[in-house]
Amino acid sequence: MRIREENRNAVLLSAVALCCAVVTGTLALFEPVFGQGPEKQVADNRPIDATAEVPVRVVGAPFVSNVNPLQR
């Protein structure tokens, strides 16, 4: 049984994907778990001041669209 030339790339890709899936699955099964799990993180309950404006620095000249591409 020979694999046709048109299908060789697909077969090679699927074989590599299958091998990678087997390796990662095996490593996931034997992954050591040490100590306790991470502590639960809680968001900060303080209100956010949405009215405080942060100063913004503009660098360079303002944007002017070029309506005539021949003119620079």
N, C-alpha and C. Protein backbone atom coordinates (compact mmCIF):
# COMPACT_ATOMS: atom_id res chain seq x y z
N MET A 1 0.84 -1.18 0.00
CA MET A 1 0.00 0.00 0.00
C MET A 1 0.89 1.24 0.00
N ARG A 2 0.73 2.08 -0.98
CA ARG A 2 1.50 3.31 -1.08
C ARG A 2 0.57 4.50 -0.95
N ILE A 3 1.10 5.55 -0.37
CA ILE A 3 0.34 6.80 -0.25
C ILE A 3 0.60 7.62 -1.50
N ARG A 4 -0.49 8.08 -2.10
CA ARG A 4 -0.32 8.86 -3.31
C ARG A 4 0.38 10.17 -3.00
N GLU A 5 1.06 10.70 -4.00
CA GLU A 5 1.87 11.90 -3.81
C GLU A 5 1.03 13.10 -3.39
N GLU A 6 -0.21 13.16 -3.86
CA GLU A 6 -1.08 14.30 -3.50
C GLU A 6 -1.45 14.29 -2.02
N ASN A 7 -1.43 13.11 -1.40
CA ASN A 7 -1.88 12.98 -0.01
C ASN A 7 -0.74 12.91 1.00
N ARG A 8 0.49 12.95 0.53
CA ARG A 8 1.62 12.76 1.46
C ARG A 8 1.72 13.87 2.49
N ASN A 9 1.50 15.12 2.08
CA ASN A 9 1.60 16.23 3.04
C ASN A 9 0.51 16.14 4.11
N ALA A 10 -0.69 15.77 3.71
CA ALA A 10 -1.78 15.64 4.68
C ALA A 10 -1.51 14.51 5.66
N VAL A 11 -0.99 13.39 5.15
CA VAL A 11 -0.69 12.25 6.02
C VAL A 11 0.45 12.61 6.98
N LEU A 12 1.46 13.29 6.49
CA LEU A 12 2.57 13.70 7.36
C LEU A 12 2.09 14.67 8.43
N LEU A 13 1.28 15.63 8.04
CA LEU A 13 0.75 16.59 9.02
C LEU A 13 -0.10 15.90 10.08
N SER A 14 -0.96 15.00 9.68
CA SER A 14 -1.80 14.30 10.66
C SER A 14 -0.98 13.39 11.56
N ALA A 15 0.08 12.78 11.02
CA ALA A 15 0.93 11.92 11.85
C ALA A 15 1.68 12.74 12.90
N VAL A 16 2.20 13.89 12.50
CA VAL A 16 2.90 14.75 13.46
C VAL A 16 1.94 15.28 14.51
N ALA A 17 0.73 15.67 14.09
CA ALA A 17 -0.26 16.16 15.05
C ALA A 17 -0.67 15.08 16.03
N LEU A 18 -0.82 13.86 15.54
CA LEU A 18 -1.17 12.75 16.42
C LEU A 18 -0.06 12.46 17.42
N CYS A 19 1.19 12.48 16.97
CA CYS A 19 2.31 12.25 17.88
C CYS A 19 2.39 13.34 18.95
N CYS A 20 2.21 14.58 18.54
CA CYS A 20 2.25 15.69 19.51
C CYS A 20 1.11 15.57 20.52
N ALA A 21 -0.07 15.18 20.05
CA ALA A 21 -1.20 15.02 20.96
C ALA A 21 -0.94 13.89 21.96
N VAL A 22 -0.34 12.81 21.51
CA VAL A 22 -0.03 11.70 22.42
C VAL A 22 1.00 12.13 23.46
N VAL A 23 2.03 12.86 23.04
CA VAL A 23 3.06 13.30 23.99
C VAL A 23 2.47 14.27 25.01
N THR A 24 1.69 15.25 24.56
CA THR A 24 1.12 16.21 25.52
C THR A 24 0.09 15.55 26.44
N GLY A 25 -0.68 14.61 25.91
CA GLY A 25 -1.63 13.90 26.76
C GLY A 25 -0.94 13.07 27.82
N THR A 26 0.15 12.42 27.45
CA THR A 26 0.91 11.62 28.42
C THR A 26 1.53 12.51 29.49
N LEU A 27 2.09 13.64 29.07
CA LEU A 27 2.68 14.56 30.06
C LEU A 27 1.61 15.15 30.97
N ALA A 28 0.42 15.39 30.46
CA ALA A 28 -0.65 15.93 31.29
C ALA A 28 -1.11 14.91 32.33
N LEU A 29 -1.07 13.63 31.96
CA LEU A 29 -1.48 12.60 32.92
C LEU A 29 -0.48 12.46 34.07
N PHE A 30 0.80 12.60 33.76
CA PHE A 30 1.83 12.40 34.77
C PHE A 30 2.36 13.70 35.37
N GLU A 31 1.64 14.78 35.17
CA GLU A 31 2.09 16.07 35.70
C GLU A 31 2.05 16.03 37.23
N PRO A 32 3.17 16.31 37.87
CA PRO A 32 3.16 16.27 39.34
C PRO A 32 2.46 17.51 39.91
N VAL A 33 1.71 17.28 40.98
CA VAL A 33 1.02 18.37 41.65
C VAL A 33 1.62 18.48 43.04
N PHE A 34 2.29 19.59 43.31
CA PHE A 34 2.94 19.80 44.60
C PHE A 34 2.22 20.89 45.37
N GLY A 35 2.06 20.69 46.65
CA GLY A 35 1.49 21.72 47.52
C GLY A 35 0.03 21.99 47.23
N GLN A 36 -0.40 23.17 47.68
CA GLN A 36 -1.79 23.56 47.52
C GLN A 36 -1.97 24.35 46.23
N GLY A 37 -3.19 24.45 45.81
CA GLY A 37 -3.51 25.22 44.61
C GLY A 37 -3.35 26.71 44.88
N PRO A 38 -3.39 27.52 43.86
CA PRO A 38 -3.24 28.96 44.05
C PRO A 38 -4.42 29.53 44.82
N GLU A 39 -4.13 30.57 45.61
CA GLU A 39 -5.19 31.19 46.39
C GLU A 39 -6.13 31.94 45.47
N LYS A 40 -7.38 32.03 45.89
CA LYS A 40 -8.38 32.71 45.09
C LYS A 40 -8.12 34.21 45.12
N GLN A 41 -8.05 34.81 43.95
CA GLN A 41 -7.81 36.25 43.87
C GLN A 41 -9.15 36.97 43.85
N VAL A 42 -9.22 38.01 44.63
CA VAL A 42 -10.45 38.79 44.74
C VAL A 42 -10.18 40.17 44.19
N ALA A 43 -11.11 40.70 43.41
CA ALA A 43 -10.95 42.03 42.83
C ALA A 43 -11.09 43.09 43.92
N ASP A 44 -10.49 44.22 43.67
CA ASP A 44 -10.55 45.33 44.60
C ASP A 44 -11.97 45.90 44.59
N ASN A 45 -12.52 46.18 45.79
CA ASN A 45 -13.89 46.63 45.89
C ASN A 45 -14.02 48.15 45.89
N ARG A 46 -12.90 48.87 45.75
CA ARG A 46 -12.99 50.33 45.76
C ARG A 46 -13.59 50.83 44.45
N PRO A 47 -14.39 51.91 44.52
CA PRO A 47 -14.96 52.46 43.29
C PRO A 47 -13.88 53.15 42.45
N ILE A 48 -14.08 53.17 41.16
CA ILE A 48 -13.15 53.79 40.24
C ILE A 48 -13.63 55.20 39.93
N ASP A 49 -12.71 56.16 39.98
CA ASP A 49 -13.05 57.54 39.68
C ASP A 49 -12.99 57.72 38.17
N ALA A 50 -14.14 57.63 37.50
CA ALA A 50 -14.20 57.71 36.05
C ALA A 50 -14.12 59.15 35.55
N THR A 51 -14.30 60.12 36.44
CA THR A 51 -14.30 61.52 36.01
C THR A 51 -12.89 62.10 35.98
N ALA A 52 -11.93 61.42 36.56
CA ALA A 52 -10.57 61.94 36.59
C ALA A 52 -9.96 61.81 35.20
N GLU A 53 -9.58 62.96 34.61
CA GLU A 53 -9.00 62.95 33.28
C GLU A 53 -7.48 62.87 33.37
N VAL A 54 -6.92 62.03 32.55
CA VAL A 54 -5.48 61.85 32.52
C VAL A 54 -4.94 62.73 31.39
N PRO A 55 -3.93 63.55 31.67
CA PRO A 55 -3.40 64.40 30.59
C PRO A 55 -2.75 63.55 29.51
N VAL A 56 -2.98 63.95 28.26
CA VAL A 56 -2.45 63.23 27.12
C VAL A 56 -1.48 64.13 26.39
N ARG A 57 -0.33 63.59 26.03
CA ARG A 57 0.67 64.36 25.32
C ARG A 57 0.63 64.00 23.84
N VAL A 58 0.47 65.01 22.99
CA VAL A 58 0.43 64.80 21.56
C VAL A 58 1.79 65.15 20.99
N VAL A 59 2.39 64.22 20.28
CA VAL A 59 3.72 64.43 19.72
C VAL A 59 3.58 64.65 18.22
N GLY A 60 4.21 65.69 17.71
CA GLY A 60 4.21 65.93 16.27
C GLY A 60 3.06 66.81 15.83
N ALA A 61 2.96 66.95 14.54
CA ALA A 61 1.92 67.80 13.96
C ALA A 61 0.61 67.05 13.90
N PRO A 62 -0.50 67.76 13.88
CA PRO A 62 -1.80 67.08 13.75
C PRO A 62 -1.93 66.42 12.38
N PHE A 63 -2.72 65.41 12.30
CA PHE A 63 -2.89 64.66 11.07
C PHE A 63 -3.74 65.44 10.08
N VAL A 64 -3.23 65.56 8.86
CA VAL A 64 -3.97 66.19 7.78
C VAL A 64 -3.98 65.18 6.64
N SER A 65 -5.18 64.82 6.20
CA SER A 65 -5.26 63.81 5.15
C SER A 65 -4.80 64.38 3.82
N ASN A 66 -4.17 63.55 3.03
CA ASN A 66 -3.68 63.95 1.72
C ASN A 66 -4.73 63.61 0.69
N VAL A 67 -5.48 64.64 0.23
CA VAL A 67 -6.54 64.40 -0.73
C VAL A 67 -6.01 64.38 -2.15
N ASN A 68 -4.81 64.90 -2.37
CA ASN A 68 -4.19 64.89 -3.69
C ASN A 68 -2.92 64.08 -3.59
N PRO A 69 -2.92 62.81 -4.03
CA PRO A 69 -1.75 61.95 -3.87
C PRO A 69 -0.51 62.42 -4.63
N LEU A 70 -0.69 63.21 -5.71
CA LEU A 70 0.46 63.70 -6.46
C LEU A 70 1.20 64.80 -5.73
N GLN A 71 0.52 65.48 -4.84
CA GLN A 71 1.13 66.60 -4.09
C GLN A 71 1.66 66.05 -2.76
N ARG A 72 2.89 66.42 -2.44
CA ARG A 72 3.46 65.96 -1.18
C ARG A 72 3.70 67.10 -0.26
